[in-house]
Amino acid sequence: MNEEKKLVEMSPAELRTAIAAYREKARKAEMMGIINEYDVYQRKALIAESYLVDASEIVIGKVYRLIGSEASYFKVERIKGVFAWGFRLQGDASEEGIPLSLLQLDQ
């Protein structure tokens, strides 16, 4: 039985390899027109990237720009694992969790 390592158990080098593999699978799925599979692999890559983010750099209560969306900002209320929980500014006011890799940290 081929048992894969969990992301949390991987070294940074292994995480980078996994991210590259997810991105390649996403690219192939996109080329074949399988959009739902493309979305799954893109999300897996984002979550894997979140394990490379130093959560101690994220300040609770601070507003961060979201990567990939120029006009979206997110206020971090708490961090749990590799997700930041909080609210989008000018959003629908419901709390949500987003992968740490989506937060623009160098402001």
C-alpha atoms as a PDB file:
ATOM      1  CA  MET A   1       0.000   0.000   0.000  1.00  0.00           C
ATOM      2  CA  ASN A   2       1.473   3.332  -1.095  1.00  0.00           C
ATOM      3  CA  GLU A   3       0.915   5.732   1.758  1.00  0.00           C
ATOM      4  CA  GLU A   4       1.651   9.391   1.050  1.00  0.00           C
ATOM      5  CA  LYS A   5       3.025  11.699   3.693  1.00  0.00           C
ATOM      6  CA  LYS A   6       0.677  14.288   5.096  1.00  0.00           C
ATOM      7  CA  LEU A   7       1.541  17.888   4.258  1.00  0.00           C
ATOM      8  CA  VAL A   8       2.167  18.677   7.917  1.00  0.00           C
ATOM      9  CA  GLU A   9       4.844  15.936   8.031  1.00  0.00           C
ATOM     10  CA  MET A  10       6.752  17.194   4.969  1.00  0.00           C
ATOM     11  CA  SER A  11       9.979  19.171   4.929  1.00  0.00           C
ATOM     12  CA  PRO A  12      10.059  22.484   3.026  1.00  0.00           C
ATOM     13  CA  ALA A  13      11.767  20.752   0.082  1.00  0.00           C
ATOM     14  CA  GLU A  14       9.106  18.035   0.017  1.00  0.00           C
ATOM     15  CA  LEU A  15       6.378  20.689   0.186  1.00  0.00           C
ATOM     16  CA  ARG A  16       7.869  22.520  -2.797  1.00  0.00           C
ATOM     17  CA  THR A  17       7.941  19.246  -4.747  1.00  0.00           C
ATOM     18  CA  ALA A  18       4.308  18.554  -3.833  1.00  0.00           C
ATOM     19  CA  ILE A  19       3.302  22.096  -4.842  1.00  0.00           C
ATOM     20  CA  ALA A  20       4.993  21.677  -8.219  1.00  0.00           C
ATOM     21  CA  ALA A  21       3.217  18.327  -8.726  1.00  0.00           C
ATOM     22  CA  TYR A  22      -0.181  19.847  -7.842  1.00  0.00           C
ATOM     23  CA  ARG A  23       0.428  22.757 -10.219  1.00  0.00           C
ATOM     24  CA  GLU A  24       1.390  20.361 -13.025  1.00  0.00           C
ATOM     25  CA  LYS A  25      -1.747  18.266 -12.432  1.00  0.00           C
ATOM     26  CA  ALA A  26      -3.820  21.462 -12.443  1.00  0.00           C
ATOM     27  CA  ARG A  27      -2.234  22.548 -15.726  1.00  0.00           C
ATOM     28  CA  LYS A  28      -3.005  19.181 -17.323  1.00  0.00           C
ATOM     29  CA  ALA A  29      -6.588  19.242 -16.042  1.00  0.00           C
ATOM     30  CA  GLU A  30      -7.039  22.743 -17.442  1.00  0.00           C
ATOM     31  CA  MET A  31      -5.688  21.651 -20.827  1.00  0.00           C
ATOM     32  CA  MET A  32      -8.168  18.759 -20.876  1.00  0.00           C
ATOM     33  CA  GLY A  33     -11.013  21.079 -19.871  1.00  0.00           C
ATOM     34  CA  ILE A  34     -11.675  19.386 -16.522  1.00  0.00           C
ATOM     35  CA  ILE A  35     -12.313  22.542 -14.527  1.00  0.00           C
ATOM     36  CA  ASN A  36     -13.404  20.918 -11.247  1.00  0.00           C
ATOM     37  CA  GLU A  37     -10.179  18.859 -11.148  1.00  0.00           C
ATOM     38  CA  TYR A  38      -8.195  22.002 -11.975  1.00  0.00           C
ATOM     39  CA  ASP A  39      -9.808  23.808  -9.014  1.00  0.00           C
ATOM     40  CA  VAL A  40      -9.032  20.920  -6.648  1.00  0.00           C
ATOM     41  CA  TYR A  41      -5.323  20.871  -7.540  1.00  0.00           C
ATOM     42  CA  GLN A  42      -5.060  24.660  -7.350  1.00  0.00           C
ATOM     43  CA  ARG A  43      -6.568  24.560  -3.843  1.00  0.00           C
ATOM     44  CA  LYS A  44      -4.221  21.733  -2.799  1.00  0.00           C
ATOM     45  CA  ALA A  45      -1.246  23.803  -3.990  1.00  0.00           C
ATOM     46  CA  LEU A  46      -2.477  26.828  -1.988  1.00  0.00           C
ATOM     47  CA  ILE A  47      -2.841  24.761   1.158  1.00  0.00           C
ATOM     48  CA  ALA A  48       0.591  23.167   0.692  1.00  0.00           C
ATOM     49  CA  GLU A  49       2.076  26.666   0.238  1.00  0.00           C
ATOM     50  CA  SER A  50       0.459  27.666   3.519  1.00  0.00           C
ATOM     51  CA  TYR A  51       2.712  25.204   5.357  1.00  0.00           C
ATOM     52  CA  LEU A  52       5.687  27.276   4.124  1.00  0.00           C
ATOM     53  CA  VAL A  53       4.293  30.485   5.674  1.00  0.00           C
ATOM     54  CA  ASP A  54       5.592  31.461   9.103  1.00  0.00           C
ATOM     55  CA  ALA A  55       2.335  31.981  11.020  1.00  0.00           C
ATOM     56  CA  SER A  56       4.179  34.040  13.642  1.00  0.00           C
ATOM     57  CA  GLU A  57       4.582  36.814  11.026  1.00  0.00           C
ATOM     58  CA  ILE A  58       0.813  37.271  10.829  1.00  0.00           C
ATOM     59  CA  VAL A  59      -0.572  39.891  13.204  1.00  0.00           C
ATOM     60  CA  ILE A  60      -4.014  39.270  14.701  1.00  0.00           C
ATOM     61  CA  GLY A  61      -6.293  42.244  13.999  1.00  0.00           C
ATOM     62  CA  LYS A  62      -4.275  43.409  11.000  1.00  0.00           C
ATOM     63  CA  VAL A  63      -5.779  43.845   7.534  1.00  0.00           C
ATOM     64  CA  TYR A  64      -3.969  42.086   4.678  1.00  0.00           C
ATOM     65  CA  ARG A  65      -4.403  42.347   0.934  1.00  0.00           C
ATOM     66  CA  LEU A  66      -5.342  39.014  -0.624  1.00  0.00           C
ATOM     67  CA  ILE A  67      -2.919  37.721  -3.251  1.00  0.00           C
ATOM     68  CA  GLY A  68      -4.507  37.408  -6.656  1.00  0.00           C
ATOM     69  CA  SER A  69      -7.195  39.976  -5.951  1.00  0.00           C
ATOM     70  CA  GLU A  70      -6.142  43.621  -6.043  1.00  0.00           C
ATOM     71  CA  ALA A  71      -9.270  44.988  -4.374  1.00  0.00           C
ATOM     72  CA  SER A  72      -9.816  42.341  -1.673  1.00  0.00           C
ATOM     73  CA  TYR A  73      -8.670  42.792   1.893  1.00  0.00           C
ATOM     74  CA  PHE A  74      -8.975  40.429   4.844  1.00  0.00           C
ATOM     75  CA  LYS A  75      -8.896  41.211   8.571  1.00  0.00           C
ATOM     76  CA  VAL A  76      -7.353  38.356  10.549  1.00  0.00           C
ATOM     77  CA  GLU A  77      -9.162  37.526  13.786  1.00  0.00           C
ATOM     78  CA  ARG A  78      -7.369  34.266  14.604  1.00  0.00           C
ATOM     79  CA  ILE A  79      -5.114  31.617  13.130  1.00  0.00           C
ATOM     80  CA  LYS A  80      -5.834  27.931  13.302  1.00  0.00           C
ATOM     81  CA  GLY A  81      -3.381  25.604  11.626  1.00  0.00           C
ATOM     82  CA  VAL A  82      -2.593  26.946   8.163  1.00  0.00           C
ATOM     83  CA  PHE A  83      -5.770  29.016   7.910  1.00  0.00           C
ATOM     84  CA  ALA A  84      -6.424  32.623   8.887  1.00  0.00           C
ATOM     85  CA  TRP A  85      -9.953  33.184  10.151  1.00  0.00           C
ATOM     86  CA  GLY A  86     -11.609  36.539   9.893  1.00  0.00           C
ATOM     87  CA  PHE A  87     -13.615  38.761   7.601  1.00  0.00           C
ATOM     88  CA  ARG A  88     -13.256  40.238   4.124  1.00  0.00           C
ATOM     89  CA  LEU A  89     -13.523  43.995   4.128  1.00  0.00           C
ATOM     90  CA  GLN A  90     -16.672  45.072   2.303  1.00  0.00           C
ATOM     91  CA  GLY A  91     -17.729  41.420   2.206  1.00  0.00           C
ATOM     92  CA  ASP A  92     -20.890  39.777   3.434  1.00  0.00           C
ATOM     93  CA  ALA A  93     -19.739  39.982   7.090  1.00  0.00           C
ATOM     94  CA  SER A  94     -19.571  36.215   7.590  1.00  0.00           C
ATOM     95  CA  GLU A  95     -16.418  34.746   9.096  1.00  0.00           C
ATOM     96  CA  GLU A  96     -14.335  32.608   6.777  1.00  0.00           C
ATOM     97  CA  GLY A  97     -11.047  30.773   6.797  1.00  0.00           C
ATOM     98  CA  ILE A  98      -8.509  31.273   4.050  1.00  0.00           C
ATOM     99  CA  PRO A  99      -5.121  29.614   3.500  1.00  0.00           C
ATOM    100  CA  LEU A 100      -2.231  31.633   4.955  1.00  0.00           C
ATOM    101  CA  SER A 101      -0.575  31.621   1.537  1.00  0.00           C
ATOM    102  CA  LEU A 102      -3.249  34.026   0.240  1.00  0.00           C
ATOM    103  CA  LEU A 103      -2.249  36.811   2.644  1.00  0.00           C
ATOM    104  CA  GLN A 104       0.125  39.446   1.236  1.00  0.00           C
ATOM    105  CA  LEU A 105       2.629  39.643   4.104  1.00  0.00           C
ATOM    106  CA  ASP A 106       5.149  42.198   2.815  1.00  0.00           C
ATOM    107  CA  GLN A 107       3.216  45.431   3.344  1.00  0.00           C
END
